[in-house]
Amino acid sequence: MDNRSLMSENLKEEIAKELGVYDQVKKDGGWGNVPSKTCGNIVSKAIEIANRSVENK
């Protein structure tokens, strides 16, 4: 795992489940075959979650 990763594996998995792509990640044994558009959606969702947590403080 890249030490510079800003998103925890757990967060990526949670978002992948929410977006309905987690089964594909598990089937393929990793993130390598996840389309870039889906990865972009995961990042967008993570930003949305982060913004929500900042707004709630």
N, C-alpha and C. Protein backbone atom coordinates (compact mmCIF):
# COMPACT_ATOMS: atom_id res chain seq x y z
N MET A 1 0.84 -1.18 0.00
CA MET A 1 0.00 0.00 0.00
C MET A 1 0.88 1.24 0.00
N ASP A 2 0.51 2.22 -0.74
CA ASP A 2 1.23 3.47 -0.83
C ASP A 2 1.07 4.26 0.46
N ASN A 3 2.18 4.62 1.09
CA ASN A 3 2.13 5.37 2.34
C ASN A 3 1.56 6.77 2.15
N ARG A 4 1.54 7.26 0.93
CA ARG A 4 1.01 8.60 0.66
C ARG A 4 -0.49 8.59 0.43
N SER A 5 -1.11 7.45 0.52
CA SER A 5 -2.54 7.34 0.28
C SER A 5 -3.32 8.20 1.28
N LEU A 6 -4.23 9.00 0.76
CA LEU A 6 -5.02 9.88 1.60
C LEU A 6 -6.31 9.23 2.08
N MET A 7 -6.71 8.16 1.40
CA MET A 7 -7.93 7.47 1.77
C MET A 7 -7.59 6.11 2.34
N SER A 8 -8.19 5.80 3.47
CA SER A 8 -7.96 4.48 4.04
C SER A 8 -8.63 3.42 3.17
N GLU A 9 -8.12 2.24 3.26
CA GLU A 9 -8.71 1.13 2.52
C GLU A 9 -10.16 0.92 2.95
N ASN A 10 -10.43 1.08 4.24
CA ASN A 10 -11.80 0.91 4.74
C ASN A 10 -12.75 1.92 4.11
N LEU A 11 -12.30 3.18 3.99
CA LEU A 11 -13.15 4.21 3.38
C LEU A 11 -13.41 3.88 1.92
N LYS A 12 -12.37 3.48 1.20
CA LYS A 12 -12.55 3.12 -0.22
C LYS A 12 -13.54 1.97 -0.36
N GLU A 13 -13.43 0.98 0.52
CA GLU A 13 -14.34 -0.17 0.46
C GLU A 13 -15.77 0.25 0.77
N GLU A 14 -15.95 1.11 1.77
CA GLU A 14 -17.29 1.59 2.12
C GLU A 14 -17.93 2.31 0.94
N ILE A 15 -17.16 3.20 0.31
CA ILE A 15 -17.69 3.95 -0.83
C ILE A 15 -17.96 3.02 -2.01
N ALA A 16 -17.07 2.07 -2.24
CA ALA A 16 -17.27 1.10 -3.33
C ALA A 16 -18.56 0.31 -3.11
N LYS A 17 -18.83 -0.05 -1.86
CA LYS A 17 -20.09 -0.75 -1.55
C LYS A 17 -21.27 0.14 -1.86
N GLU A 18 -21.17 1.41 -1.45
CA GLU A 18 -22.25 2.36 -1.69
C GLU A 18 -22.50 2.57 -3.18
N LEU A 19 -21.43 2.57 -3.97
CA LEU A 19 -21.55 2.77 -5.41
C LEU A 19 -21.82 1.47 -6.18
N GLY A 20 -21.82 0.35 -5.47
CA GLY A 20 -22.14 -0.93 -6.10
C GLY A 20 -21.00 -1.57 -6.88
N VAL A 21 -19.76 -1.19 -6.60
CA VAL A 21 -18.63 -1.77 -7.33
C VAL A 21 -17.74 -2.64 -6.44
N TYR A 22 -18.09 -2.77 -5.18
CA TYR A 22 -17.25 -3.53 -4.24
C TYR A 22 -17.09 -4.98 -4.65
N ASP A 23 -18.16 -5.60 -5.12
CA ASP A 23 -18.08 -7.01 -5.53
C ASP A 23 -17.06 -7.20 -6.65
N GLN A 24 -16.99 -6.24 -7.57
CA GLN A 24 -16.02 -6.31 -8.66
C GLN A 24 -14.59 -6.21 -8.12
N VAL A 25 -14.38 -5.32 -7.16
CA VAL A 25 -13.06 -5.16 -6.55
C VAL A 25 -12.64 -6.46 -5.88
N LYS A 26 -13.55 -7.06 -5.13
CA LYS A 26 -13.23 -8.31 -4.43
C LYS A 26 -13.00 -9.44 -5.43
N LYS A 27 -13.83 -9.51 -6.46
CA LYS A 27 -13.69 -10.57 -7.47
C LYS A 27 -12.33 -10.48 -8.17
N ASP A 28 -11.93 -9.26 -8.49
CA ASP A 28 -10.67 -9.05 -9.20
C ASP A 28 -9.46 -9.07 -8.27
N GLY A 29 -9.70 -9.05 -6.96
CA GLY A 29 -8.60 -9.09 -6.01
C GLY A 29 -7.88 -7.76 -5.85
N GLY A 30 -8.53 -6.67 -6.20
CA GLY A 30 -7.91 -5.36 -6.00
C GLY A 30 -8.54 -4.30 -6.87
N TRP A 31 -7.90 -3.15 -6.87
CA TRP A 31 -8.44 -1.97 -7.54
C TRP A 31 -7.95 -1.82 -8.98
N GLY A 32 -7.06 -2.68 -9.43
CA GLY A 32 -6.43 -2.54 -10.73
C GLY A 32 -7.38 -2.49 -11.92
N ASN A 33 -8.49 -3.21 -11.87
CA ASN A 33 -9.41 -3.26 -13.00
C ASN A 33 -10.63 -2.35 -12.85
N VAL A 34 -10.62 -1.52 -11.80
CA VAL A 34 -11.73 -0.59 -11.61
C VAL A 34 -11.55 0.56 -12.60
N PRO A 35 -12.57 0.85 -13.40
CA PRO A 35 -12.45 1.92 -14.40
C PRO A 35 -12.14 3.27 -13.75
N SER A 36 -11.41 4.10 -14.48
CA SER A 36 -11.02 5.41 -13.94
C SER A 36 -12.23 6.26 -13.59
N LYS A 37 -13.32 6.13 -14.35
CA LYS A 37 -14.53 6.89 -14.03
C LYS A 37 -15.05 6.49 -12.65
N THR A 38 -15.03 5.21 -12.36
CA THR A 38 -15.48 4.73 -11.05
C THR A 38 -14.57 5.24 -9.96
N CYS A 39 -13.26 5.21 -10.20
CA CYS A 39 -12.31 5.74 -9.22
C CYS A 39 -12.58 7.22 -8.97
N GLY A 40 -12.89 7.95 -10.04
CA GLY A 40 -13.24 9.36 -9.89
C GLY A 40 -14.49 9.54 -9.05
N ASN A 41 -15.47 8.66 -9.24
CA ASN A 41 -16.69 8.72 -8.43
C ASN A 41 -16.39 8.43 -6.96
N ILE A 42 -15.47 7.52 -6.70
CA ILE A 42 -15.08 7.20 -5.33
C ILE A 42 -14.42 8.43 -4.69
N VAL A 43 -13.53 9.08 -5.42
CA VAL A 43 -12.86 10.27 -4.90
C VAL A 43 -13.89 11.38 -4.65
N SER A 44 -14.81 11.58 -5.58
CA SER A 44 -15.84 12.60 -5.42
C SER A 44 -16.68 12.34 -4.17
N LYS A 45 -17.03 11.08 -3.96
CA LYS A 45 -17.83 10.71 -2.79
C LYS A 45 -17.03 10.94 -1.50
N ALA A 46 -15.74 10.64 -1.53
CA ALA A 46 -14.90 10.85 -0.35
C ALA A 46 -14.81 12.34 -0.02
N ILE A 47 -14.72 13.18 -1.05
CA ILE A 47 -14.68 14.63 -0.83
C ILE A 47 -16.01 15.10 -0.24
N GLU A 48 -17.10 14.56 -0.76
CA GLU A 48 -18.42 14.90 -0.23
C GLU A 48 -18.52 14.54 1.25
N ILE A 49 -18.04 13.36 1.62
CA ILE A 49 -18.07 12.92 3.01
C ILE A 49 -17.20 13.83 3.87
N ALA A 50 -16.02 14.18 3.37
CA ALA A 50 -15.12 15.06 4.13
C ALA A 50 -15.74 16.43 4.33
N ASN A 51 -16.38 16.96 3.29
CA ASN A 51 -17.03 18.26 3.40
C ASN A 51 -18.16 18.23 4.42
N ARG A 52 -18.91 17.14 4.44
CA ARG A 52 -19.99 16.99 5.40
C ARG A 52 -19.45 16.99 6.82
N SER A 53 -18.34 16.29 7.04
CA SER A 53 -17.78 16.21 8.39
C SER A 53 -17.24 17.56 8.84
N VAL A 54 -16.71 18.35 7.91
CA VAL A 54 -16.22 19.70 8.25
C VAL A 54 -17.40 20.61 8.58
N GLU A 55 -18.46 20.53 7.80
CA GLU A 55 -19.64 21.37 8.01
C GLU A 55 -20.32 21.06 9.34
N ASN A 56 -20.21 19.84 9.80
CA ASN A 56 -20.88 19.42 11.05
C ASN A 56 -20.08 19.76 12.31
N LYS A 57 -18.91 20.33 12.13
CA LYS A 57 -18.09 20.69 13.29
C LYS A 57 -18.45 22.05 13.82
